[in-house]
Amino acid sequence: MASPEHVLTPRTGRVKAARRLATRRFREKERAFLAEGPQAVREALDAGRSQPALVHDVYATAAATERYPELAEVAGERWHVVDDEVVAAISETVSPQGMVAVCDYLDVALEAALARGPRLVAVCADVRDPGNAGTVIRCADAAGADAVVLLGDSVDPYNPKAVRASVGSLFHVDVVVERDTAGAVAALRRAGLRVLAADGDADVDLPAAERDGLLDGPTAWLFGNEAWGLPAETRALADTVVSVPIYGRAESLNLATAAAVCLYASARVAHDRRA
């Protein structure tokens, strides 16, 4: 464990540098981001067992250090005990969780992710809300997906809100950032994945898609923007457009909920066939 409480302050250079990672421009320049809270820090340190350079520093209050001694032990010299005001200066939340880690970027190239033979992939096209992006990553992880692909003008997955919403799942699945939507979908198809687009105006609903065998085999689910869904040109890239049936009076499902329903449908089919 390093750095006694009085050494680092909000005006210390390394603390100011960490705080700047809340801004996308600085994240991209340094290829580093902030992981806040004990769950995210735990997952970062665990991932760092196979990637020793992943976690640079952890800034934690004395109270958090006392509560999570096992994390401090794993971090070793990277763990810095600081005053509450230092964590508050780095954190973007109103009520900081007592610890923040500075981590390297995790994203991989699409080709590298596809080379691993993924069976289930979540693909987000032009998703703008960081909370939604992080929640989709969390849902994909929970459903056993192998990768999450953020296409076009999607939000930065290292936005602090996205990282918090992923609750550590950012460290569990391959995350791909790709501007070329058409090229990425073509690459998914070449890798042997059926591309299903989730949209309210669809060729078939989810139960029918399952009955027809459309969820069998490797699948990439394509989800659209929160406000306008999938534009016609993006829908046209999919093999089939699938809707989630709504049995009540709700007008629609939000992005993260629809993603969870679709990904779990594919996951259940895969697990049933292996049983």
C-alpha atoms as a PDB file:
ATOM      1  CA  MET A   1       0.000   0.000   0.000  1.00  0.00           C
ATOM      2  CA  ALA A   2       1.371   3.400  -0.939  1.00  0.00           C
ATOM      3  CA  SER A   3       1.082   7.097  -0.270  1.00  0.00           C
ATOM      4  CA  PRO A   4       0.099   8.227   3.217  1.00  0.00           C
ATOM      5  CA  GLU A   5      -2.940  10.476   3.370  1.00  0.00           C
ATOM      6  CA  HIS A   6      -1.136  13.830   3.472  1.00  0.00           C
ATOM      7  CA  VAL A   7       0.975  13.352   0.309  1.00  0.00           C
ATOM      8  CA  LEU A   8      -1.690  13.656  -2.392  1.00  0.00           C
ATOM      9  CA  THR A   9      -4.143  16.571  -2.638  1.00  0.00           C
ATOM     10  CA  PRO A  10      -6.642  17.734  -5.283  1.00  0.00           C
ATOM     11  CA  ARG A  11      -3.876  20.044  -6.560  1.00  0.00           C
ATOM     12  CA  THR A  12      -1.286  17.304  -6.958  1.00  0.00           C
ATOM     13  CA  GLY A  13      -0.307  16.758 -10.585  1.00  0.00           C
ATOM     14  CA  ARG A  14      -1.233  13.081 -10.764  1.00  0.00           C
ATOM     15  CA  VAL A  15      -4.622  13.751  -9.143  1.00  0.00           C
ATOM     16  CA  LYS A  16      -5.356  16.566 -11.600  1.00  0.00           C
ATOM     17  CA  ALA A  17      -4.328  14.278 -14.455  1.00  0.00           C
ATOM     18  CA  ALA A  18      -6.708  11.592 -13.203  1.00  0.00           C
ATOM     19  CA  ARG A  19      -9.532  14.119 -12.959  1.00  0.00           C
ATOM     20  CA  ARG A  20      -9.030  15.157 -16.584  1.00  0.00           C
ATOM     21  CA  LEU A  21      -9.881  11.595 -17.649  1.00  0.00           C
ATOM     22  CA  ALA A  22     -13.528  12.512 -17.096  1.00  0.00           C
ATOM     23  CA  THR A  23     -13.190  14.344 -20.448  1.00  0.00           C
ATOM     24  CA  ARG A  24     -13.230  12.278 -23.639  1.00  0.00           C
ATOM     25  CA  ARG A  25     -10.445  14.258 -25.293  1.00  0.00           C
ATOM     26  CA  PHE A  26      -8.033  13.468 -22.472  1.00  0.00           C
ATOM     27  CA  ARG A  27      -9.149   9.835 -22.286  1.00  0.00           C
ATOM     28  CA  GLU A  28      -8.418   9.367 -25.957  1.00  0.00           C
ATOM     29  CA  LYS A  29      -5.075  11.134 -25.675  1.00  0.00           C
ATOM     30  CA  GLU A  30      -3.932   8.986 -22.736  1.00  0.00           C
ATOM     31  CA  ARG A  31      -5.938   5.875 -23.695  1.00  0.00           C
ATOM     32  CA  ALA A  32      -6.909   5.638 -20.047  1.00  0.00           C
ATOM     33  CA  PHE A  33     -10.174   5.915 -18.109  1.00  0.00           C
ATOM     34  CA  LEU A  34     -11.616   5.932 -14.598  1.00  0.00           C
ATOM     35  CA  ALA A  35     -13.263   2.951 -12.900  1.00  0.00           C
ATOM     36  CA  GLU A  36     -15.123   4.066  -9.796  1.00  0.00           C
ATOM     37  CA  GLY A  37     -16.430   2.069  -6.844  1.00  0.00           C
ATOM     38  CA  PRO A  38     -15.397  -1.198  -5.196  1.00  0.00           C
ATOM     39  CA  GLN A  39     -17.047  -3.494  -7.744  1.00  0.00           C
ATOM     40  CA  ALA A  40     -15.423  -1.805 -10.736  1.00  0.00           C
ATOM     41  CA  VAL A  41     -12.046  -1.629  -8.981  1.00  0.00           C
ATOM     42  CA  ARG A  42     -12.307  -5.299  -7.988  1.00  0.00           C
ATOM     43  CA  GLU A  43     -13.004  -6.334 -11.578  1.00  0.00           C
ATOM     44  CA  ALA A  44     -10.219  -4.098 -12.884  1.00  0.00           C
ATOM     45  CA  LEU A  45      -7.689  -5.600 -10.498  1.00  0.00           C
ATOM     46  CA  ASP A  46      -8.887  -9.107 -11.320  1.00  0.00           C
ATOM     47  CA  ALA A  47      -8.531  -8.436 -15.057  1.00  0.00           C
ATOM     48  CA  GLY A  48      -5.124  -6.979 -14.301  1.00  0.00           C
ATOM     49  CA  ARG A  49      -3.877 -10.369 -13.122  1.00  0.00           C
ATOM     50  CA  SER A  50      -3.505 -11.326 -16.786  1.00  0.00           C
ATOM     51  CA  GLN A  51      -2.776  -7.750 -17.942  1.00  0.00           C
ATOM     52  CA  PRO A  52      -0.353  -6.352 -15.356  1.00  0.00           C
ATOM     53  CA  ALA A  53      -0.280  -2.865 -16.879  1.00  0.00           C
ATOM     54  CA  LEU A  54      -4.072  -2.480 -16.944  1.00  0.00           C
ATOM     55  CA  VAL A  55      -4.483  -0.683 -13.602  1.00  0.00           C
ATOM     56  CA  HIS A  56      -2.128   2.244 -13.037  1.00  0.00           C
ATOM     57  CA  ASP A  57      -3.314   3.687  -9.727  1.00  0.00           C
ATOM     58  CA  VAL A  58      -6.131   3.330  -7.233  1.00  0.00           C
ATOM     59  CA  TYR A  59      -7.085   6.328  -5.094  1.00  0.00           C
ATOM     60  CA  ALA A  60      -9.025   5.307  -1.992  1.00  0.00           C
ATOM     61  CA  THR A  61     -10.160   6.887   1.235  1.00  0.00           C
ATOM     62  CA  ALA A  62      -9.006   5.538   4.582  1.00  0.00           C
ATOM     63  CA  ALA A  63     -12.528   4.234   5.233  1.00  0.00           C
ATOM     64  CA  ALA A  64     -12.630   2.372   1.903  1.00  0.00           C
ATOM     65  CA  THR A  65      -9.168   0.959   2.541  1.00  0.00           C
ATOM     66  CA  GLU A  66     -10.282  -0.356   5.912  1.00  0.00           C
ATOM     67  CA  ARG A  67     -13.439  -1.852   4.417  1.00  0.00           C
ATOM     68  CA  TYR A  68     -11.731  -3.486   1.421  1.00  0.00           C
ATOM     69  CA  PRO A  69      -8.258  -4.553   2.609  1.00  0.00           C
ATOM     70  CA  GLU A  70      -8.186  -7.395   0.080  1.00  0.00           C
ATOM     71  CA  LEU A  71      -8.299  -4.889  -2.792  1.00  0.00           C
ATOM     72  CA  ALA A  72      -5.533  -2.815  -1.268  1.00  0.00           C
ATOM     73  CA  GLU A  73      -3.436  -5.956  -0.941  1.00  0.00           C
ATOM     74  CA  VAL A  74      -3.905  -6.896  -4.589  1.00  0.00           C
ATOM     75  CA  ALA A  75      -3.142  -3.349  -5.772  1.00  0.00           C
ATOM     76  CA  GLY A  76      -0.017  -3.077  -3.644  1.00  0.00           C
ATOM     77  CA  GLU A  77       2.034   0.021  -4.433  1.00  0.00           C
ATOM     78  CA  ARG A  78      -0.646   1.219  -6.852  1.00  0.00           C
ATOM     79  CA  TRP A  79      -3.051   1.791  -3.938  1.00  0.00           C
ATOM     80  CA  HIS A  80      -2.954   5.373  -2.630  1.00  0.00           C
ATOM     81  CA  VAL A  81      -4.727   6.263   0.602  1.00  0.00           C
ATOM     82  CA  VAL A  82      -6.055   9.804   0.253  1.00  0.00           C
ATOM     83  CA  ASP A  83      -8.413  12.246   1.900  1.00  0.00           C
ATOM     84  CA  ASP A  84     -12.079  12.199   0.915  1.00  0.00           C
ATOM     85  CA  GLU A  85     -11.605  15.454  -1.000  1.00  0.00           C
ATOM     86  CA  VAL A  86      -9.128  13.799  -3.368  1.00  0.00           C
ATOM     87  CA  VAL A  87     -11.578  11.054  -4.336  1.00  0.00           C
ATOM     88  CA  ALA A  88     -14.322  13.679  -4.632  1.00  0.00           C
ATOM     89  CA  ALA A  89     -12.091  15.750  -6.949  1.00  0.00           C
ATOM     90  CA  ILE A  90     -11.552  12.770  -9.265  1.00  0.00           C
ATOM     91  CA  SER A  91     -15.083  11.365  -9.108  1.00  0.00           C
ATOM     92  CA  GLU A  92     -18.004  12.719 -11.127  1.00  0.00           C
ATOM     93  CA  THR A  93     -20.676  11.370  -8.795  1.00  0.00           C
ATOM     94  CA  VAL A  94     -22.453  13.408  -6.144  1.00  0.00           C
ATOM     95  CA  SER A  95     -21.746  10.698  -3.556  1.00  0.00           C
ATOM     96  CA  PRO A  96     -18.345   9.138  -4.367  1.00  0.00           C
ATOM     97  CA  GLN A  97     -17.932   5.471  -3.461  1.00  0.00           C
ATOM     98  CA  GLY A  98     -14.547   5.908  -1.826  1.00  0.00           C
ATOM     99  CA  MET A  99     -12.218   4.621  -4.529  1.00  0.00           C
ATOM    100  CA  VAL A 100     -11.311   5.311  -8.148  1.00  0.00           C
ATOM    101  CA  ALA A 101      -8.887   3.398 -10.377  1.00  0.00           C
ATOM    102  CA  VAL A 102      -7.017   4.728 -13.400  1.00  0.00           C
ATOM    103  CA  CYS A 103      -7.056   1.999 -16.058  1.00  0.00           C
ATOM    104  CA  ASP A 104      -5.820   1.491 -19.608  1.00  0.00           C
ATOM    105  CA  TYR A 105      -8.300   1.251 -22.466  1.00  0.00           C
ATOM    106  CA  LEU A 106      -9.677  -2.249 -23.025  1.00  0.00           C
ATOM    107  CA  ASP A 107     -11.204  -2.119 -26.497  1.00  0.00           C
ATOM    108  CA  VAL A 108     -10.039  -4.567 -29.130  1.00  0.00           C
ATOM    109  CA  ALA A 109     -10.183  -4.466 -32.931  1.00  0.00           C
ATOM    110  CA  LEU A 110     -13.224  -6.090 -34.505  1.00  0.00           C
ATOM    111  CA  GLU A 111     -11.013  -8.575 -36.346  1.00  0.00           C
ATOM    112  CA  ALA A 112      -9.431  -9.696 -33.074  1.00  0.00           C
ATOM    113  CA  ALA A 113     -12.822 -10.154 -31.395  1.00  0.00           C
ATOM    114  CA  LEU A 114     -14.150 -12.151 -34.350  1.00  0.00           C
ATOM    115  CA  ALA A 115     -11.021 -14.315 -34.479  1.00  0.00           C
ATOM    116  CA  ARG A 116     -12.070 -15.762 -31.096  1.00  0.00           C
ATOM    117  CA  GLY A 117     -15.170 -17.302 -32.628  1.00  0.00           C
ATOM    118  CA  PRO A 118     -17.910 -15.450 -30.733  1.00  0.00           C
ATOM    119  CA  ARG A 119     -21.314 -17.115 -30.436  1.00  0.00           C
ATOM    120  CA  LEU A 120     -23.289 -14.099 -29.232  1.00  0.00           C
ATOM    121  CA  VAL A 121     -22.564 -10.426 -29.911  1.00  0.00           C
ATOM    122  CA  ALA A 122     -24.452  -7.251 -28.999  1.00  0.00           C
ATOM    123  CA  VAL A 123     -24.128  -4.514 -31.620  1.00  0.00           C
ATOM    124  CA  CYS A 124     -25.178  -0.932 -30.821  1.00  0.00           C
ATOM    125  CA  ALA A 125     -25.560   1.534 -33.685  1.00  0.00           C
ATOM    126  CA  ASP A 126     -25.362   5.242 -32.811  1.00  0.00           C
ATOM    127  CA  VAL A 127     -26.251   4.722 -29.149  1.00  0.00           C
ATOM    128  CA  ARG A 128     -25.800   8.107 -27.482  1.00  0.00           C
ATOM    129  CA  ASP A 129     -26.733   7.651 -23.831  1.00  0.00           C
ATOM    130  CA  PRO A 130     -23.783   6.458 -21.701  1.00  0.00           C
ATOM    131  CA  GLY A 131     -26.085   4.837 -19.140  1.00  0.00           C
ATOM    132  CA  ASN A 132     -27.713   2.765 -21.884  1.00  0.00           C
ATOM    133  CA  ALA A 133     -24.358   1.780 -23.372  1.00  0.00           C
ATOM    134  CA  GLY A 134     -23.033   0.643 -20.005  1.00  0.00           C
ATOM    135  CA  THR A 135     -26.241  -1.250 -19.217  1.00  0.00           C
ATOM    136  CA  VAL A 136     -26.115  -3.057 -22.577  1.00  0.00           C
ATOM    137  CA  ILE A 137     -22.546  -4.115 -21.775  1.00  0.00           C
ATOM    138  CA  ARG A 138     -23.749  -5.395 -18.399  1.00  0.00           C
ATOM    139  CA  CYS A 139     -26.705  -7.255 -19.981  1.00  0.00           C
ATOM    140  CA  ALA A 140     -24.456  -8.763 -22.640  1.00  0.00           C
ATOM    141  CA  ASP A 141     -22.056  -9.985 -19.977  1.00  0.00           C
ATOM    142  CA  ALA A 142     -24.897 -11.473 -17.913  1.00  0.00           C
ATOM    143  CA  ALA A 143     -26.300 -13.273 -20.964  1.00  0.00           C
ATOM    144  CA  GLY A 144     -22.903 -14.783 -21.737  1.00  0.00           C
ATOM    145  CA  ALA A 145     -22.226 -12.715 -24.840  1.00  0.00           C
ATOM    146  CA  ASP A 146     -18.663 -12.634 -26.087  1.00  0.00           C
ATOM    147  CA  ALA A 147     -18.492  -9.056 -27.347  1.00  0.00           C
ATOM    148  CA  VAL A 148     -20.221  -5.701 -27.552  1.00  0.00           C
ATOM    149  CA  VAL A 149     -19.680  -3.630 -30.703  1.00  0.00           C
ATOM    150  CA  LEU A 150     -20.367   0.125 -30.636  1.00  0.00           C
ATOM    151  CA  LEU A 151     -20.931   1.402 -34.155  1.00  0.00           C
ATOM    152  CA  GLY A 152     -21.040   4.754 -35.899  1.00  0.00           C
ATOM    153  CA  ASP A 153     -21.465   7.744 -33.611  1.00  0.00           C
ATOM    154  CA  SER A 154     -22.056   5.725 -30.452  1.00  0.00           C
ATOM    155  CA  VAL A 155     -21.063   7.127 -27.078  1.00  0.00           C
ATOM    156  CA  ASP A 156     -17.595   6.471 -25.701  1.00  0.00           C
ATOM    157  CA  PRO A 157     -17.760   3.255 -23.609  1.00  0.00           C
ATOM    158  CA  TYR A 158     -15.215   4.837 -21.223  1.00  0.00           C
ATOM    159  CA  ASN A 159     -17.499   7.727 -20.366  1.00  0.00           C
ATOM    160  CA  PRO A 160     -17.676   7.612 -16.526  1.00  0.00           C
ATOM    161  CA  LYS A 161     -21.455   7.085 -16.617  1.00  0.00           C
ATOM    162  CA  ALA A 162     -21.071   4.187 -19.045  1.00  0.00           C
ATOM    163  CA  VAL A 163     -18.352   2.610 -16.917  1.00  0.00           C
ATOM    164  CA  ARG A 164     -20.488   2.915 -13.777  1.00  0.00           C
ATOM    165  CA  ALA A 165     -23.548   1.488 -15.560  1.00  0.00           C
ATOM    166  CA  SER A 166     -21.543  -1.545 -16.692  1.00  0.00           C
ATOM    167  CA  VAL A 167     -20.835  -2.367 -12.994  1.00  0.00           C
ATOM    168  CA  GLY A 168     -17.551  -4.051 -13.860  1.00  0.00           C
ATOM    169  CA  SER A 169     -18.789  -5.943 -16.934  1.00  0.00           C
ATOM    170  CA  LEU A 170     -16.637  -3.705 -19.117  1.00  0.00           C
ATOM    171  CA  PHE A 171     -13.735  -5.866 -17.934  1.00  0.00           C
ATOM    172  CA  HIS A 172     -15.440  -9.166 -18.862  1.00  0.00           C
ATOM    173  CA  VAL A 173     -16.396  -8.912 -22.544  1.00  0.00           C
ATOM    174  CA  ASP A 174     -14.603  -7.746 -25.659  1.00  0.00           C
ATOM    175  CA  VAL A 175     -15.572  -4.144 -26.404  1.00  0.00           C
ATOM    176  CA  VAL A 176     -15.167  -2.983 -29.996  1.00  0.00           C
ATOM    177  CA  VAL A 177     -15.481   0.621 -31.188  1.00  0.00           C
ATOM    178  CA  GLU A 178     -16.020   0.849 -34.945  1.00  0.00           C
ATOM    179  CA  ARG A 179     -17.130   3.808 -37.077  1.00  0.00           C
ATOM    180  CA  ASP A 180     -17.976   1.847 -40.240  1.00  0.00           C
ATOM    181  CA  THR A 181     -21.399   0.341 -39.603  1.00  0.00           C
ATOM    182  CA  ALA A 182     -21.806  -1.416 -42.947  1.00  0.00           C
ATOM    183  CA  GLY A 183     -18.257  -2.767 -42.886  1.00  0.00           C
ATOM    184  CA  ALA A 184     -18.655  -4.070 -39.344  1.00  0.00           C
ATOM    185  CA  VAL A 185     -21.933  -5.859 -40.090  1.00  0.00           C
ATOM    186  CA  ALA A 186     -20.382  -7.425 -43.192  1.00  0.00           C
ATOM    187  CA  ALA A 187     -17.444  -8.629 -41.072  1.00  0.00           C
ATOM    188  CA  LEU A 188     -19.823 -10.162 -38.522  1.00  0.00           C
ATOM    189  CA  ARG A 189     -21.602 -12.041 -41.285  1.00  0.00           C
ATOM    190  CA  ARG A 190     -18.320 -13.252 -42.804  1.00  0.00           C
ATOM    191  CA  ALA A 191     -17.391 -14.596 -39.373  1.00  0.00           C
ATOM    192  CA  GLY A 192     -20.460 -16.821 -39.484  1.00  0.00           C
ATOM    193  CA  LEU A 193     -22.873 -14.842 -37.335  1.00  0.00           C
ATOM    194  CA  ARG A 194     -26.509 -14.357 -38.291  1.00  0.00           C
ATOM    195  CA  VAL A 195     -27.333 -10.655 -37.916  1.00  0.00           C
ATOM    196  CA  LEU A 196     -30.718  -9.983 -36.316  1.00  0.00           C
ATOM    197  CA  ALA A 197     -31.928  -6.404 -35.975  1.00  0.00           C
ATOM    198  CA  ALA A 198     -34.227  -5.556 -33.081  1.00  0.00           C
ATOM    199  CA  ASP A 199     -36.909  -3.098 -34.190  1.00  0.00           C
ATOM    200  CA  GLY A 200     -40.595  -2.512 -33.524  1.00  0.00           C
ATOM    201  CA  ASP A 201     -41.463  -2.620 -37.232  1.00  0.00           C
ATOM    202  CA  ALA A 202     -40.283  -6.136 -37.941  1.00  0.00           C
ATOM    203  CA  ASP A 203     -40.533  -9.131 -40.242  1.00  0.00           C
ATOM    204  CA  VAL A 204     -41.137 -11.505 -37.325  1.00  0.00           C
ATOM    205  CA  ASP A 205     -41.543 -11.316 -33.556  1.00  0.00           C
ATOM    206  CA  LEU A 206     -39.143 -12.888 -31.061  1.00  0.00           C
ATOM    207  CA  PRO A 207     -41.185 -16.033 -30.233  1.00  0.00           C
ATOM    208  CA  ALA A 208     -41.641 -16.746 -33.941  1.00  0.00           C
ATOM    209  CA  ALA A 209     -37.957 -16.175 -34.569  1.00  0.00           C
ATOM    210  CA  GLU A 210     -37.174 -18.800 -31.959  1.00  0.00           C
ATOM    211  CA  ARG A 211     -39.696 -21.274 -33.407  1.00  0.00           C
ATOM    212  CA  ASP A 212     -38.267 -20.733 -36.885  1.00  0.00           C
ATOM    213  CA  GLY A 213     -34.733 -21.498 -35.700  1.00  0.00           C
ATOM    214  CA  LEU A 214     -33.448 -17.964 -36.244  1.00  0.00           C
ATOM    215  CA  LEU A 215     -31.837 -17.958 -32.794  1.00  0.00           C
ATOM    216  CA  ASP A 216     -29.918 -21.163 -33.463  1.00  0.00           C
ATOM    217  CA  GLY A 217     -26.207 -20.788 -34.025  1.00  0.00           C
ATOM    218  CA  PRO A 218     -23.912 -17.774 -33.660  1.00  0.00           C
ATOM    219  CA  THR A 219     -25.905 -14.546 -33.558  1.00  0.00           C
ATOM    220  CA  ALA A 220     -25.214 -10.815 -33.585  1.00  0.00           C
ATOM    221  CA  TRP A 221     -28.090  -8.650 -32.315  1.00  0.00           C
ATOM    222  CA  LEU A 222     -28.211  -5.164 -33.832  1.00  0.00           C
ATOM    223  CA  PHE A 223     -29.785  -2.405 -31.702  1.00  0.00           C
ATOM    224  CA  GLY A 224     -30.467   1.166 -32.744  1.00  0.00           C
ATOM    225  CA  ASN A 225     -30.449   4.636 -31.281  1.00  0.00           C
ATOM    226  CA  GLU A 226     -32.594   5.381 -28.222  1.00  0.00           C
ATOM    227  CA  ALA A 227     -34.688   8.063 -29.971  1.00  0.00           C
ATOM    228  CA  TRP A 228     -35.040   6.997 -33.591  1.00  0.00           C
ATOM    229  CA  GLY A 229     -34.169   3.297 -33.574  1.00  0.00           C
ATOM    230  CA  LEU A 230     -32.612   1.802 -36.659  1.00  0.00           C
ATOM    231  CA  PRO A 231     -32.589   3.881 -39.862  1.00  0.00           C
ATOM    232  CA  ALA A 232     -33.655   2.095 -43.027  1.00  0.00           C
ATOM    233  CA  GLU A 233     -30.107   1.722 -44.330  1.00  0.00           C
ATOM    234  CA  THR A 234     -28.991   0.016 -41.110  1.00  0.00           C
ATOM    235  CA  ARG A 235     -32.055  -2.259 -40.961  1.00  0.00           C
ATOM    236  CA  ALA A 236     -31.255  -3.345 -44.507  1.00  0.00           C
ATOM    237  CA  LEU A 237     -27.905  -4.710 -43.345  1.00  0.00           C
ATOM    238  CA  ALA A 238     -29.539  -7.345 -41.135  1.00  0.00           C
ATOM    239  CA  ASP A 239     -30.511 -10.849 -42.209  1.00  0.00           C
ATOM    240  CA  THR A 240     -33.845 -10.541 -40.380  1.00  0.00           C
ATOM    241  CA  VAL A 241     -35.601  -7.794 -38.410  1.00  0.00           C
ATOM    242  CA  VAL A 242     -37.158  -9.046 -35.160  1.00  0.00           C
ATOM    243  CA  SER A 243     -39.571  -7.314 -32.784  1.00  0.00           C
ATOM    244  CA  VAL A 244     -40.062  -7.872 -29.067  1.00  0.00           C
ATOM    245  CA  PRO A 245     -43.804  -8.380 -28.570  1.00  0.00           C
ATOM    246  CA  ILE A 246     -45.514  -6.021 -26.134  1.00  0.00           C
ATOM    247  CA  TYR A 247     -48.479  -7.620 -24.430  1.00  0.00           C
ATOM    248  CA  GLY A 248     -49.454  -4.661 -22.278  1.00  0.00           C
ATOM    249  CA  ARG A 249     -50.122  -1.023 -23.038  1.00  0.00           C
ATOM    250  CA  ALA A 250     -46.533   0.292 -23.051  1.00  0.00           C
ATOM    251  CA  GLU A 251     -45.643   2.181 -26.206  1.00  0.00           C
ATOM    252  CA  SER A 252     -42.220   0.570 -26.457  1.00  0.00           C
ATOM    253  CA  LEU A 253     -39.256  -0.833 -24.542  1.00  0.00           C
ATOM    254  CA  ASN A 254     -36.133   1.180 -23.871  1.00  0.00           C
ATOM    255  CA  LEU A 255     -32.901   0.148 -25.499  1.00  0.00           C
ATOM    256  CA  ALA A 256     -31.312  -1.670 -22.572  1.00  0.00           C
ATOM    257  CA  THR A 257     -34.494  -3.630 -21.776  1.00  0.00           C
ATOM    258  CA  ALA A 258     -34.968  -4.702 -25.384  1.00  0.00           C
ATOM    259  CA  ALA A 259     -31.317  -5.729 -25.547  1.00  0.00           C
ATOM    260  CA  ALA A 260     -31.667  -7.818 -22.389  1.00  0.00           C
ATOM    261  CA  VAL A 261     -34.761  -9.610 -23.706  1.00  0.00           C
ATOM    262  CA  CYS A 262     -33.158 -10.404 -27.079  1.00  0.00           C
ATOM    263  CA  LEU A 263     -29.782 -11.456 -25.722  1.00  0.00           C
ATOM    264  CA  TYR A 264     -31.345 -13.696 -23.085  1.00  0.00           C
ATOM    265  CA  ALA A 265     -33.587 -15.318 -25.689  1.00  0.00           C
ATOM    266  CA  SER A 266     -30.504 -16.300 -27.678  1.00  0.00           C
ATOM    267  CA  ALA A 267     -28.667 -17.379 -24.542  1.00  0.00           C
ATOM    268  CA  ARG A 268     -31.564 -19.573 -23.402  1.00  0.00           C
ATOM    269  CA  VAL A 269     -31.761 -21.306 -26.792  1.00  0.00           C
ATOM    270  CA  ALA A 270     -28.015 -21.979 -26.698  1.00  0.00           C
ATOM    271  CA  HIS A 271     -28.149 -23.341 -23.148  1.00  0.00           C
ATOM    272  CA  ASP A 272     -31.196 -25.508 -23.885  1.00  0.00           C
ATOM    273  CA  ARG A 273     -29.435 -27.082 -26.845  1.00  0.00           C
ATOM    274  CA  ARG A 274     -26.338 -27.848 -24.779  1.00  0.00           C
ATOM    275  CA  ALA A 275     -28.366 -29.378 -21.933  1.00  0.00           C
END
